[in-house]
Amino acid sequence: MADPITITRTVSIDPAELDETFVRSSGPGGQNVNKVASAVQLRFDLVNSPNIPAPMKRRVAALAGSRITKEGVIVITSNSHRDQPLNRAEALSRLVALLREGAFVPKPRVATRPTLASKKRRLEGKSVRSAVKRMRSRPPGED
């Protein structure tokens, strides 16, 4: 049995949960590109994965965006290399990076108000700019 893929210290996924499909790739490869299936489509069923907690599933689904299907399957395509093993490794590393990013709870933003000093600096800058523009115009009464 293959070793589990570690996401965090507490979360890991079984390689059996991953489904790899090899397709023909566009891009570099010369005559080889029409014969060899070097691109990789990596599929991971996020919704039915028993190893990932529900809050993490929600965060990962939001981060995945268009890479997740309606059924909750993450599809990652890699075709940047001419070599199939390199594309496999890149697709797997992109999936692990996505899962790691979703593993951490984002710190909630606390709304703050501008300080009195920053308000005064802003208004002072506006009045200086206004004076510069006023000096550029024609003097009043000159026609």
Foldseek 3Di string as FASTA:
>chain_A
DDDWADLDPQFTARPVQKDKDFAQADDDDPPVSVPDRQKIKIKGQLVPGPRDDPQLLVQLVVVQPPQADPNRIGIFIFDPDPHNVVNVVVSVVVVSVSSNVSVDDDDDDDDDDDDPVVVVVVVVVVVVVVVVVVVPDDDPPDD
